Amino acid sequence: MYIVLVYDVSQEENGARRWSRIFKICKKYLTHIQNSVFEGELSKGQLAQLQKELKEYIDKELDSVIIF
């Protein structure tokens, strides 16, 4: 399936470190388009793995990740 992923990471509470890790994870699975936007083809399994890896670094109170 074709995926577009956008994220916004707060700079509060180690935001730069979270941003760096989130960027690297997204780059592993998808093509970097612009700033915090990625796109690409993923299988359901790859999408599940991507979400699992991102979950470790996303602070639900401060950050957002949207997958279309």
N, C-alpha and C. Protein backbone atom coordinates (compact mmCIF):
# COMPACT_ATOMS: atom_id res chain seq x y z
N MET A 1 0.84 -1.17 0.00
CA MET A 1 0.00 0.00 0.00
C MET A 1 0.89 1.24 0.00
N TYR A 2 0.37 2.33 -0.57
CA TYR A 2 1.11 3.58 -0.65
C TYR A 2 0.88 4.40 0.62
N ILE A 3 1.95 4.83 1.26
CA ILE A 3 1.89 5.51 2.55
C ILE A 3 2.47 6.91 2.43
N VAL A 4 1.79 7.87 3.05
CA VAL A 4 2.35 9.21 3.28
C VAL A 4 2.37 9.39 4.80
N LEU A 5 3.53 9.69 5.34
CA LEU A 5 3.70 9.86 6.78
C LEU A 5 4.19 11.28 7.05
N VAL A 6 3.53 11.96 7.97
CA VAL A 6 3.98 13.27 8.42
C VAL A 6 4.08 13.24 9.94
N TYR A 7 5.06 13.97 10.48
CA TYR A 7 5.20 14.01 11.92
C TYR A 7 5.57 15.40 12.39
N ASP A 8 5.27 15.66 13.65
CA ASP A 8 5.64 16.90 14.32
C ASP A 8 6.13 16.52 15.70
N VAL A 9 7.38 16.84 15.98
CA VAL A 9 8.00 16.48 17.26
C VAL A 9 8.30 17.76 18.02
N SER A 10 7.80 17.85 19.23
CA SER A 10 8.04 19.00 20.09
C SER A 10 9.52 19.06 20.47
N GLN A 11 10.04 20.26 20.61
CA GLN A 11 11.44 20.42 21.01
C GLN A 11 11.61 20.36 22.53
N GLU A 12 10.52 20.26 23.27
CA GLU A 12 10.58 20.13 24.72
C GLU A 12 10.99 18.72 25.10
N GLU A 13 11.58 18.57 26.27
CA GLU A 13 11.90 17.26 26.85
C GLU A 13 12.63 16.33 25.87
N ASN A 14 13.86 16.67 25.52
CA ASN A 14 14.69 15.86 24.61
C ASN A 14 14.09 15.72 23.22
N GLY A 15 13.40 16.75 22.75
CA GLY A 15 12.75 16.70 21.44
C GLY A 15 13.72 16.47 20.30
N ALA A 16 14.89 17.08 20.36
CA ALA A 16 15.87 16.92 19.28
C ALA A 16 16.32 15.46 19.17
N ARG A 17 16.50 14.82 20.30
CA ARG A 17 16.90 13.41 20.29
C ARG A 17 15.77 12.53 19.72
N ARG A 18 14.52 12.79 20.15
CA ARG A 18 13.38 12.03 19.63
C ARG A 18 13.24 12.26 18.13
N TRP A 19 13.38 13.52 17.70
CA TRP A 19 13.26 13.86 16.29
C TRP A 19 14.27 13.06 15.47
N SER A 20 15.50 13.02 15.92
CA SER A 20 16.55 12.30 15.21
C SER A 20 16.23 10.83 15.07
N ARG A 21 15.78 10.21 16.13
CA ARG A 21 15.47 8.76 16.08
C ARG A 21 14.25 8.50 15.19
N ILE A 22 13.23 9.34 15.30
CA ILE A 22 12.03 9.18 14.46
C ILE A 22 12.39 9.34 12.99
N PHE A 23 13.22 10.35 12.68
CA PHE A 23 13.66 10.57 11.30
C PHE A 23 14.37 9.34 10.75
N LYS A 24 15.29 8.77 11.52
CA LYS A 24 16.05 7.60 11.07
C LYS A 24 15.15 6.39 10.83
N ILE A 25 14.18 6.19 11.70
CA ILE A 25 13.25 5.07 11.53
C ILE A 25 12.43 5.25 10.26
N CYS A 26 11.89 6.44 10.06
CA CYS A 26 11.09 6.71 8.86
C CYS A 26 11.92 6.54 7.60
N LYS A 27 13.16 7.01 7.62
CA LYS A 27 14.05 6.93 6.45
C LYS A 27 14.37 5.47 6.10
N LYS A 28 14.35 4.61 7.10
CA LYS A 28 14.62 3.19 6.88
C LYS A 28 13.51 2.54 6.03
N TYR A 29 12.28 3.00 6.18
CA TYR A 29 11.14 2.38 5.52
C TYR A 29 10.60 3.18 4.32
N LEU A 30 10.78 4.50 4.34
CA LEU A 30 10.13 5.36 3.36
C LEU A 30 11.12 6.35 2.74
N THR A 31 10.69 7.04 1.70
CA THR A 31 11.51 8.05 1.02
C THR A 31 11.24 9.42 1.63
N HIS A 32 12.31 10.12 2.00
CA HIS A 32 12.19 11.45 2.59
C HIS A 32 11.83 12.44 1.48
N ILE A 33 10.74 13.17 1.66
CA ILE A 33 10.26 14.10 0.65
C ILE A 33 10.61 15.54 1.02
N GLN A 34 10.23 15.94 2.21
CA GLN A 34 10.44 17.33 2.63
C GLN A 34 10.29 17.41 4.13
N ASN A 35 11.22 18.07 4.80
CA ASN A 35 11.20 18.25 6.26
C ASN A 35 10.70 17.00 6.97
N SER A 36 9.49 17.00 7.46
CA SER A 36 8.97 15.86 8.22
C SER A 36 7.91 15.08 7.43
N VAL A 37 8.13 14.92 6.14
CA VAL A 37 7.19 14.22 5.26
C VAL A 37 7.92 13.08 4.55
N PHE A 38 7.32 11.89 4.60
CA PHE A 38 7.88 10.71 3.96
C PHE A 38 6.78 10.03 3.14
N GLU A 39 7.18 9.27 2.11
CA GLU A 39 6.22 8.51 1.32
C GLU A 39 6.86 7.24 0.82
N GLY A 40 6.01 6.28 0.43
CA GLY A 40 6.52 5.05 -0.15
C GLY A 40 5.54 3.90 -0.07
N GLU A 41 5.92 2.81 -0.71
CA GLU A 41 5.13 1.58 -0.72
C GLU A 41 5.56 0.69 0.43
N LEU A 42 4.61 0.23 1.23
CA LEU A 42 4.89 -0.69 2.33
C LEU A 42 3.85 -1.81 2.33
N SER A 43 4.29 -2.98 2.75
CA SER A 43 3.34 -4.07 2.98
C SER A 43 2.69 -3.83 4.34
N LYS A 44 1.65 -4.60 4.64
CA LYS A 44 1.01 -4.46 5.95
C LYS A 44 1.98 -4.79 7.08
N GLY A 45 2.81 -5.78 6.86
CA GLY A 45 3.80 -6.17 7.86
C GLY A 45 4.83 -5.07 8.11
N GLN A 46 5.30 -4.45 7.02
CA GLN A 46 6.26 -3.36 7.16
C GLN A 46 5.64 -2.17 7.87
N LEU A 47 4.38 -1.88 7.57
CA LEU A 47 3.69 -0.78 8.23
C LEU A 47 3.56 -1.05 9.72
N ALA A 48 3.20 -2.27 10.07
CA ALA A 48 3.08 -2.64 11.49
C ALA A 48 4.43 -2.51 12.20
N GLN A 49 5.50 -2.93 11.55
CA GLN A 49 6.84 -2.82 12.13
C GLN A 49 7.25 -1.36 12.29
N LEU A 50 6.97 -0.53 11.30
CA LEU A 50 7.26 0.90 11.37
C LEU A 50 6.54 1.53 12.55
N GLN A 51 5.25 1.24 12.69
CA GLN A 51 4.47 1.80 13.79
C GLN A 51 5.01 1.33 15.14
N LYS A 52 5.41 0.08 15.22
CA LYS A 52 5.96 -0.47 16.47
C LYS A 52 7.25 0.26 16.85
N GLU A 53 8.13 0.47 15.87
CA GLU A 53 9.39 1.15 16.14
C GLU A 53 9.17 2.62 16.53
N LEU A 54 8.24 3.28 15.86
CA LEU A 54 7.96 4.68 16.18
C LEU A 54 7.36 4.85 17.56
N LYS A 55 6.54 3.90 17.96
CA LYS A 55 5.83 3.98 19.24
C LYS A 55 6.79 4.14 20.42
N GLU A 56 7.99 3.57 20.30
CA GLU A 56 8.99 3.66 21.37
C GLU A 56 9.47 5.10 21.61
N TYR A 57 9.41 5.95 20.59
CA TYR A 57 10.00 7.28 20.68
C TYR A 57 8.98 8.43 20.69
N ILE A 58 7.74 8.15 20.34
CA ILE A 58 6.73 9.20 20.28
C ILE A 58 6.20 9.49 21.68
N ASP A 59 6.19 10.75 22.04
CA ASP A 59 5.57 11.20 23.30
C ASP A 59 4.17 11.66 22.92
N LYS A 60 3.16 10.90 23.29
CA LYS A 60 1.78 11.19 22.88
C LYS A 60 1.28 12.55 23.36
N GLU A 61 1.86 13.07 24.41
CA GLU A 61 1.45 14.37 24.94
C GLU A 61 2.04 15.53 24.13
N LEU A 62 3.19 15.32 23.49
CA LEU A 62 3.89 16.41 22.82
C LEU A 62 4.00 16.26 21.31
N ASP A 63 4.02 15.04 20.80
CA ASP A 63 4.31 14.78 19.40
C ASP A 63 3.09 14.23 18.65
N SER A 64 3.18 14.26 17.34
CA SER A 64 2.14 13.61 16.52
C SER A 64 2.76 12.98 15.31
N VAL A 65 2.21 11.84 14.91
CA VAL A 65 2.58 11.15 13.67
C VAL A 65 1.27 10.78 13.00
N ILE A 66 1.15 11.18 11.73
CA ILE A 66 -0.06 10.88 10.96
C ILE A 66 0.34 10.07 9.74
N ILE A 67 -0.35 8.97 9.52
CA ILE A 67 -0.09 8.10 8.38
C ILE A 67 -1.34 8.06 7.52
N PHE A 68 -1.16 8.40 6.24
CA PHE A 68 -2.27 8.36 5.27
C PHE A 68 -2.07 7.18 4.36
